[in-house]
Amino acid sequence: MNVTATGLVLASAEMAPRLFDLDLQLIADSALMIIAVFSLFLIASHFLFNPVRDMMQKRQDRIRNELDTAAADMESARALKEEYEAKLKDIDKEAEAILAEARKKALANENKIVADAKEEAARIIERAGVEAELEKKKATDEVKREMVVLASMMAGKVVSAAIDTTVQDSLVEETLKEIGESTWLS
C-alpha cells in the first residue's frame, strides 16, 4: 500500500488542480500575446488611428470653417436684406418725389403753352388790327379815287354845259353832300 499510497499521492499531486491552471508556459505565452497585441496596437495606431484622427480633425476643421462661412454669409444676407428693405422704403419716397417733379414740369409746360398761345393770339389780334388799318386806308384811297373821278366828271359836265360860276358852286356843293364830309376827314 505504501507503494500504491505513495504513487497515489504522487499521482494526486500531479493531478491536483492548479490555481487558475497557471503554469510557466501559459504565463510566457500570455506575456508574449500581450506584447504582440500591444505592438499591433502601436503599429495600428501609427498607421491607422493617427491618419484617421488627422482626417477627422481636418474634416472637423472644414466643417467648422463651412459653419463659420455660412454664419458670415447669413449675416451678410441679413444686412443685404435690411439694406434692400430700406431702399424699398426710399423708392416710395423717390417715386413720390419724381411724380411731384413731373407734376411741376407739366404745370410749367402748361403755363408756357398758355403764355405762348396768349402771345400768338396777341400777335394775331395785332396783325388783324394792322390789316384792318390797311384795309381802311385802302378804302379811303379808293374813295378818294372815286372822288377824283367824280370831280373830273363834274368838271367835264361844267365845261360841257358852260354854265356860270353859281351853277358850278351849287354842283360842287351837291357832290360834296353826296360823298359826305366823313370821307374828306378820314
C-alpha atoms as a PDB file:
ATOM      1  CA  MET A   1       0.000   0.000   0.000  1.00  0.00           C
ATOM      2  CA  ASN A   2       2.813   2.086   0.536  1.00  0.00           C
ATOM      3  CA  VAL A   3       3.813   1.914  -2.976  1.00  0.00           C
ATOM      4  CA  THR A   4       0.381   2.395  -4.012  1.00  0.00           C
ATOM      5  CA  ALA A   5      -0.188   5.088  -1.495  1.00  0.00           C
ATOM      6  CA  THR A   6       2.918   6.991  -2.493  1.00  0.00           C
ATOM      7  CA  GLY A   7       2.057   6.543  -6.112  1.00  0.00           C
ATOM      8  CA  LEU A   8      -1.346   7.747  -5.425  1.00  0.00           C
ATOM      9  CA  VAL A   9      -0.105  10.729  -3.544  1.00  0.00           C
ATOM     10  CA  LEU A  10       2.227  11.495  -6.371  1.00  0.00           C
ATOM     11  CA  ALA A  11      -0.446  10.974  -8.918  1.00  0.00           C
ATOM     12  CA  SER A  12      -2.801  13.074  -6.901  1.00  0.00           C
ATOM     13  CA  ALA A  13      -0.153  15.802  -6.525  1.00  0.00           C
ATOM     14  CA  GLU A  14       0.402  15.763 -10.186  1.00  0.00           C
ATOM     15  CA  MET A  15      -3.241  15.694 -10.813  1.00  0.00           C
ATOM     16  CA  ALA A  16      -4.073  18.238  -8.244  1.00  0.00           C
ATOM     17  CA  PRO A  17      -5.763  21.220  -9.692  1.00  0.00           C
ATOM     18  CA  ARG A  18      -3.587  24.229 -10.014  1.00  0.00           C
ATOM     19  CA  LEU A  19      -4.765  27.661  -9.242  1.00  0.00           C
ATOM     20  CA  PHE A  20      -6.349  29.025 -12.469  1.00  0.00           C
ATOM     21  CA  ASP A  21      -4.466  26.351 -14.266  1.00  0.00           C
ATOM     22  CA  LEU A  22      -1.390  28.610 -14.451  1.00  0.00           C
ATOM     23  CA  ASP A  23       1.925  27.232 -15.401  1.00  0.00           C
ATOM     24  CA  LEU A  24       5.044  28.815 -16.742  1.00  0.00           C
ATOM     25  CA  GLN A  25       4.305  28.049 -20.344  1.00  0.00           C
ATOM     26  CA  LEU A  26       0.874  29.678 -20.104  1.00  0.00           C
ATOM     27  CA  ILE A  27       2.273  32.782 -18.411  1.00  0.00           C
ATOM     28  CA  ALA A  28       5.020  33.076 -21.042  1.00  0.00           C
ATOM     29  CA  ASP A  29       2.505  32.620 -23.859  1.00  0.00           C
ATOM     30  CA  SER A  30       0.194  35.160 -22.236  1.00  0.00           C
ATOM     31  CA  ALA A  31       3.032  37.683 -21.837  1.00  0.00           C
ATOM     32  CA  LEU A  32       4.084  37.217 -25.473  1.00  0.00           C
ATOM     33  CA  MET A  33       0.463  37.561 -26.544  1.00  0.00           C
ATOM     34  CA  ILE A  34       0.097  40.806 -24.557  1.00  0.00           C
ATOM     35  CA  ILE A  35       3.333  42.159 -26.048  1.00  0.00           C
ATOM     36  CA  ALA A  36       2.194  41.173 -29.567  1.00  0.00           C
ATOM     37  CA  VAL A  37      -1.242  42.790 -29.076  1.00  0.00           C
ATOM     38  CA  PHE A  38       0.350  45.949 -27.639  1.00  0.00           C
ATOM     39  CA  SER A  39       2.819  46.080 -30.581  1.00  0.00           C
ATOM     40  CA  LEU A  40      -0.046  45.586 -33.032  1.00  0.00           C
ATOM     41  CA  PHE A  41      -1.938  48.347 -31.262  1.00  0.00           C
ATOM     42  CA  LEU A  42       1.058  50.713 -31.556  1.00  0.00           C
ATOM     43  CA  ILE A  43       1.578  49.842 -35.223  1.00  0.00           C
ATOM     44  CA  ALA A  44      -2.142  50.172 -35.983  1.00  0.00           C
ATOM     45  CA  SER A  45      -2.211  53.415 -34.013  1.00  0.00           C
ATOM     46  CA  HIS A  46       0.666  54.799 -36.039  1.00  0.00           C
ATOM     47  CA  PHE A  47      -0.543  53.645 -39.466  1.00  0.00           C
ATOM     48  CA  LEU A  48      -4.331  53.614 -38.982  1.00  0.00           C
ATOM     49  CA  PHE A  49      -5.532  55.567 -35.985  1.00  0.00           C
ATOM     50  CA  ASN A  50      -3.331  58.661 -36.447  1.00  0.00           C
ATOM     51  CA  PRO A  51      -4.296  59.148 -40.133  1.00  0.00           C
ATOM     52  CA  VAL A  52      -7.927  58.637 -39.220  1.00  0.00           C
ATOM     53  CA  ARG A  53      -7.560  61.149 -36.380  1.00  0.00           C
ATOM     54  CA  ASP A  54      -5.872  63.595 -38.752  1.00  0.00           C
ATOM     55  CA  MET A  55      -8.607  63.050 -41.325  1.00  0.00           C
ATOM     56  CA  MET A  56     -11.284  63.529 -38.653  1.00  0.00           C
ATOM     57  CA  GLN A  57      -9.535  66.679 -37.406  1.00  0.00           C
ATOM     58  CA  LYS A  58      -9.324  68.067 -40.959  1.00  0.00           C
ATOM     59  CA  ARG A  59     -12.969  67.205 -41.531  1.00  0.00           C
ATOM     60  CA  GLN A  60     -13.906  68.845 -38.248  1.00  0.00           C
ATOM     61  CA  ASP A  61     -11.893  71.960 -39.205  1.00  0.00           C
ATOM     62  CA  ARG A  62     -13.513  72.034 -42.672  1.00  0.00           C
ATOM     63  CA  ILE A  63     -16.982  71.716 -41.162  1.00  0.00           C
ATOM     64  CA  ARG A  64     -16.170  74.434 -38.632  1.00  0.00           C
ATOM     65  CA  ASN A  65     -14.934  76.698 -41.466  1.00  0.00           C
ATOM     66  CA  GLU A  66     -18.061  75.955 -43.512  1.00  0.00           C
ATOM     67  CA  LEU A  67     -20.238  76.758 -40.498  1.00  0.00           C
ATOM     68  CA  ASP A  68     -18.327  80.000 -39.926  1.00  0.00           C
ATOM     69  CA  THR A  69     -18.638  80.862 -43.620  1.00  0.00           C
ATOM     70  CA  ALA A  70     -22.338  80.030 -43.563  1.00  0.00           C
ATOM     71  CA  ALA A  71     -22.812  82.207 -40.470  1.00  0.00           C
ATOM     72  CA  ALA A  72     -20.925  85.062 -42.155  1.00  0.00           C
ATOM     73  CA  ASP A  73     -22.954  84.598 -45.339  1.00  0.00           C
ATOM     74  CA  MET A  74     -26.154  84.580 -43.314  1.00  0.00           C
ATOM     75  CA  GLU A  75     -25.126  87.777 -41.565  1.00  0.00           C
ATOM     76  CA  SER A  76     -24.228  89.313 -44.923  1.00  0.00           C
ATOM     77  CA  ALA A  77     -27.580  88.224 -46.360  1.00  0.00           C
ATOM     78  CA  ARG A  78     -29.370  89.716 -43.360  1.00  0.00           C
ATOM     79  CA  ALA A  79     -27.525  93.003 -43.853  1.00  0.00           C
ATOM     80  CA  LEU A  80     -28.367  92.992 -47.580  1.00  0.00           C
ATOM     81  CA  LYS A  81     -31.988  92.246 -46.796  1.00  0.00           C
ATOM     82  CA  GLU A  82     -32.143  95.183 -44.379  1.00  0.00           C
ATOM     83  CA  GLU A  83     -30.442  97.393 -46.961  1.00  0.00           C
ATOM     84  CA  TYR A  84     -32.918  96.355 -49.674  1.00  0.00           C
ATOM     85  CA  GLU A  85     -35.860  96.889 -47.353  1.00  0.00           C
ATOM     86  CA  ALA A  86     -34.542 100.373 -46.585  1.00  0.00           C
ATOM     87  CA  LYS A  87     -34.100 101.003 -50.312  1.00  0.00           C
ATOM     88  CA  LEU A  88     -37.661  99.825 -50.956  1.00  0.00           C
ATOM     89  CA  LYS A  89     -38.902 102.341 -48.412  1.00  0.00           C
ATOM     90  CA  ASP A  90     -36.768 105.012 -50.075  1.00  0.00           C
ATOM     91  CA  ILE A  91     -38.057 104.002 -53.509  1.00  0.00           C
ATOM     92  CA  ASP A  92     -41.569 105.003 -52.487  1.00  0.00           C
ATOM     93  CA  LYS A  93     -40.276 108.386 -51.394  1.00  0.00           C
ATOM     94  CA  GLU A  94     -38.218 108.750 -54.577  1.00  0.00           C
ATOM     95  CA  ALA A  95     -41.207 107.788 -56.722  1.00  0.00           C
ATOM     96  CA  GLU A  96     -43.328 110.407 -54.971  1.00  0.00           C
ATOM     97  CA  ALA A  97     -40.578 112.996 -55.482  1.00  0.00           C
ATOM     98  CA  ILE A  98     -40.282 112.066 -59.167  1.00  0.00           C
ATOM     99  CA  LEU A  99     -44.049 112.332 -59.599  1.00  0.00           C
ATOM    100  CA  ALA A 100     -44.079 115.701 -57.832  1.00  0.00           C
ATOM    101  CA  GLU A 101     -41.258 116.907 -60.107  1.00  0.00           C
ATOM    102  CA  ALA A 102     -43.146 115.634 -63.163  1.00  0.00           C
ATOM    103  CA  ARG A 103     -46.276 117.476 -61.996  1.00  0.00           C
ATOM    104  CA  LYS A 104     -44.252 120.675 -61.571  1.00  0.00           C
ATOM    105  CA  LYS A 105     -42.756 120.300 -65.054  1.00  0.00           C
ATOM    106  CA  ALA A 106     -46.183 119.574 -66.542  1.00  0.00           C
ATOM    107  CA  LEU A 107     -47.649 122.642 -64.834  1.00  0.00           C
ATOM    108  CA  ALA A 108     -44.737 124.796 -66.013  1.00  0.00           C
ATOM    109  CA  ASN A 109     -45.112 123.380 -69.514  1.00  0.00           C
ATOM    110  CA  GLU A 110     -48.854 124.072 -69.403  1.00  0.00           C
ATOM    111  CA  ASN A 111     -48.219 127.647 -68.264  1.00  0.00           C
ATOM    112  CA  LYS A 112     -45.654 128.091 -71.042  1.00  0.00           C
ATOM    113  CA  ILE A 113     -48.083 126.749 -73.642  1.00  0.00           C
ATOM    114  CA  VAL A 114     -50.820 129.068 -72.376  1.00  0.00           C
ATOM    115  CA  ALA A 115     -48.427 132.037 -72.391  1.00  0.00           C
ATOM    116  CA  ASP A 116     -47.283 131.162 -75.926  1.00  0.00           C
ATOM    117  CA  ALA A 117     -50.913 130.851 -77.024  1.00  0.00           C
ATOM    118  CA  LYS A 118     -51.704 134.242 -75.489  1.00  0.00           C
ATOM    119  CA  GLU A 119     -48.705 135.790 -77.246  1.00  0.00           C
ATOM    120  CA  GLU A 120     -49.780 134.209 -80.532  1.00  0.00           C
ATOM    121  CA  ALA A 121     -53.337 135.471 -80.009  1.00  0.00           C
ATOM    122  CA  ALA A 122     -51.981 138.968 -79.281  1.00  0.00           C
ATOM    123  CA  ARG A 123     -49.882 138.826 -82.458  1.00  0.00           C
ATOM    124  CA  ILE A 124     -52.879 137.639 -84.453  1.00  0.00           C
ATOM    125  CA  ILE A 125     -55.018 140.452 -82.992  1.00  0.00           C
ATOM    126  CA  GLU A 126     -52.263 142.963 -83.724  1.00  0.00           C
ATOM    127  CA  ARG A 127     -51.920 141.636 -87.293  1.00  0.00           C
ATOM    128  CA  ALA A 128     -55.682 141.817 -87.710  1.00  0.00           C
ATOM    129  CA  GLY A 129     -55.607 145.419 -86.435  1.00  0.00           C
ATOM    130  CA  VAL A 130     -52.814 146.271 -88.855  1.00  0.00           C
ATOM    131  CA  GLU A 131     -54.680 144.571 -91.693  1.00  0.00           C
ATOM    132  CA  ALA A 132     -57.887 146.407 -90.721  1.00  0.00           C
ATOM    133  CA  GLU A 133     -55.959 149.674 -90.736  1.00  0.00           C
ATOM    134  CA  LEU A 134     -54.528 148.832 -94.155  1.00  0.00           C
ATOM    135  CA  GLU A 135     -58.000 147.951 -95.444  1.00  0.00           C
ATOM    136  CA  LYS A 136     -59.289 151.232 -94.030  1.00  0.00           C
ATOM    137  CA  LYS A 137     -56.502 153.148 -95.798  1.00  0.00           C
ATOM    138  CA  LYS A 138     -57.188 151.194 -98.953  1.00  0.00           C
ATOM    139  CA  ALA A 139     -60.894 152.028 -98.728  1.00  0.00           C
ATOM    140  CA  THR A 140     -60.027 155.677 -98.082  1.00  0.00           C
ATOM    141  CA  ASP A 141     -57.740 155.739-101.094  1.00  0.00           C
ATOM    142  CA  GLU A 142     -60.430 154.135-103.209  1.00  0.00           C
ATOM    143  CA  VAL A 143     -62.970 156.718-102.068  1.00  0.00           C
ATOM    144  CA  LYS A 144     -60.518 159.475-102.888  1.00  0.00           C
ATOM    145  CA  ARG A 145     -60.016 157.977-106.353  1.00  0.00           C
ATOM    146  CA  GLU A 146     -63.746 157.855-106.849  1.00  0.00           C
ATOM    147  CA  MET A 147     -63.981 161.463-105.726  1.00  0.00           C
ATOM    148  CA  VAL A 148     -61.307 162.396-108.221  1.00  0.00           C
ATOM    149  CA  VAL A 149     -63.245 160.542-110.912  1.00  0.00           C
ATOM    150  CA  LEU A 150     -66.465 162.287-109.833  1.00  0.00           C
ATOM    151  CA  ALA A 151     -64.724 165.622-109.744  1.00  0.00           C
ATOM    152  CA  SER A 152     -63.345 165.062-113.212  1.00  0.00           C
ATOM    153  CA  MET A 153     -66.811 164.032-114.404  1.00  0.00           C
ATOM    154  CA  MET A 154     -68.270 167.081-112.778  1.00  0.00           C
ATOM    155  CA  ALA A 155     -65.631 169.254-114.353  1.00  0.00           C
ATOM    156  CA  GLY A 156     -66.487 167.664-117.673  1.00  0.00           C
ATOM    157  CA  LYS A 157     -70.143 168.461-117.134  1.00  0.00           C
ATOM    158  CA  VAL A 158     -69.345 172.006-116.086  1.00  0.00           C
ATOM    159  CA  VAL A 159     -67.210 172.586-119.104  1.00  0.00           C
ATOM    160  CA  SER A 160     -69.714 170.993-121.378  1.00  0.00           C
ATOM    161  CA  ALA A 161     -72.609 172.956-120.024  1.00  0.00           C
ATOM    162  CA  ALA A 162     -70.630 176.150-119.928  1.00  0.00           C
ATOM    163  CA  ILE A 163     -72.563 177.371-117.122  1.00  0.00           C
ATOM    164  CA  ASP A 164     -71.810 180.139-114.811  1.00  0.00           C
ATOM    165  CA  THR A 165     -69.990 180.010-111.525  1.00  0.00           C
ATOM    166  CA  THR A 166     -73.067 179.921-109.373  1.00  0.00           C
ATOM    167  CA  VAL A 167     -74.239 176.756-111.033  1.00  0.00           C
ATOM    168  CA  GLN A 168     -70.742 175.372-110.690  1.00  0.00           C
ATOM    169  CA  ASP A 169     -70.635 176.147-106.996  1.00  0.00           C
ATOM    170  CA  SER A 170     -74.000 174.554-106.490  1.00  0.00           C
ATOM    171  CA  LEU A 171     -72.835 171.388-108.335  1.00  0.00           C
ATOM    172  CA  VAL A 172     -69.704 171.135-106.178  1.00  0.00           C
ATOM    173  CA  GLU A 173     -71.776 171.593-103.054  1.00  0.00           C
ATOM    174  CA  GLU A 174     -74.227 168.948-104.174  1.00  0.00           C
ATOM    175  CA  THR A 175     -71.445 166.489-104.965  1.00  0.00           C
ATOM    176  CA  LEU A 176     -69.827 167.091-101.614  1.00  0.00           C
ATOM    177  CA  LYS A 177     -73.114 166.421 -99.888  1.00  0.00           C
ATOM    178  CA  GLU A 178     -73.468 163.143-101.816  1.00  0.00           C
ATOM    179  CA  ILE A 179     -69.976 161.987-100.849  1.00  0.00           C
ATOM    180  CA  GLY A 180     -70.319 163.178 -97.272  1.00  0.00           C
ATOM    181  CA  GLU A 181     -67.998 165.079 -95.058  1.00  0.00           C
ATOM    182  CA  SER A 182     -66.608 161.958 -93.295  1.00  0.00           C
ATOM    183  CA  THR A 183     -64.891 160.865 -96.490  1.00  0.00           C
ATOM    184  CA  TRP A 184     -62.762 164.002 -96.593  1.00  0.00           C
ATOM    185  CA  LEU A 185     -61.969 163.875 -92.896  1.00  0.00           C
ATOM    186  CA  SER A 186     -60.793 160.282 -92.833  1.00  0.00           C
END
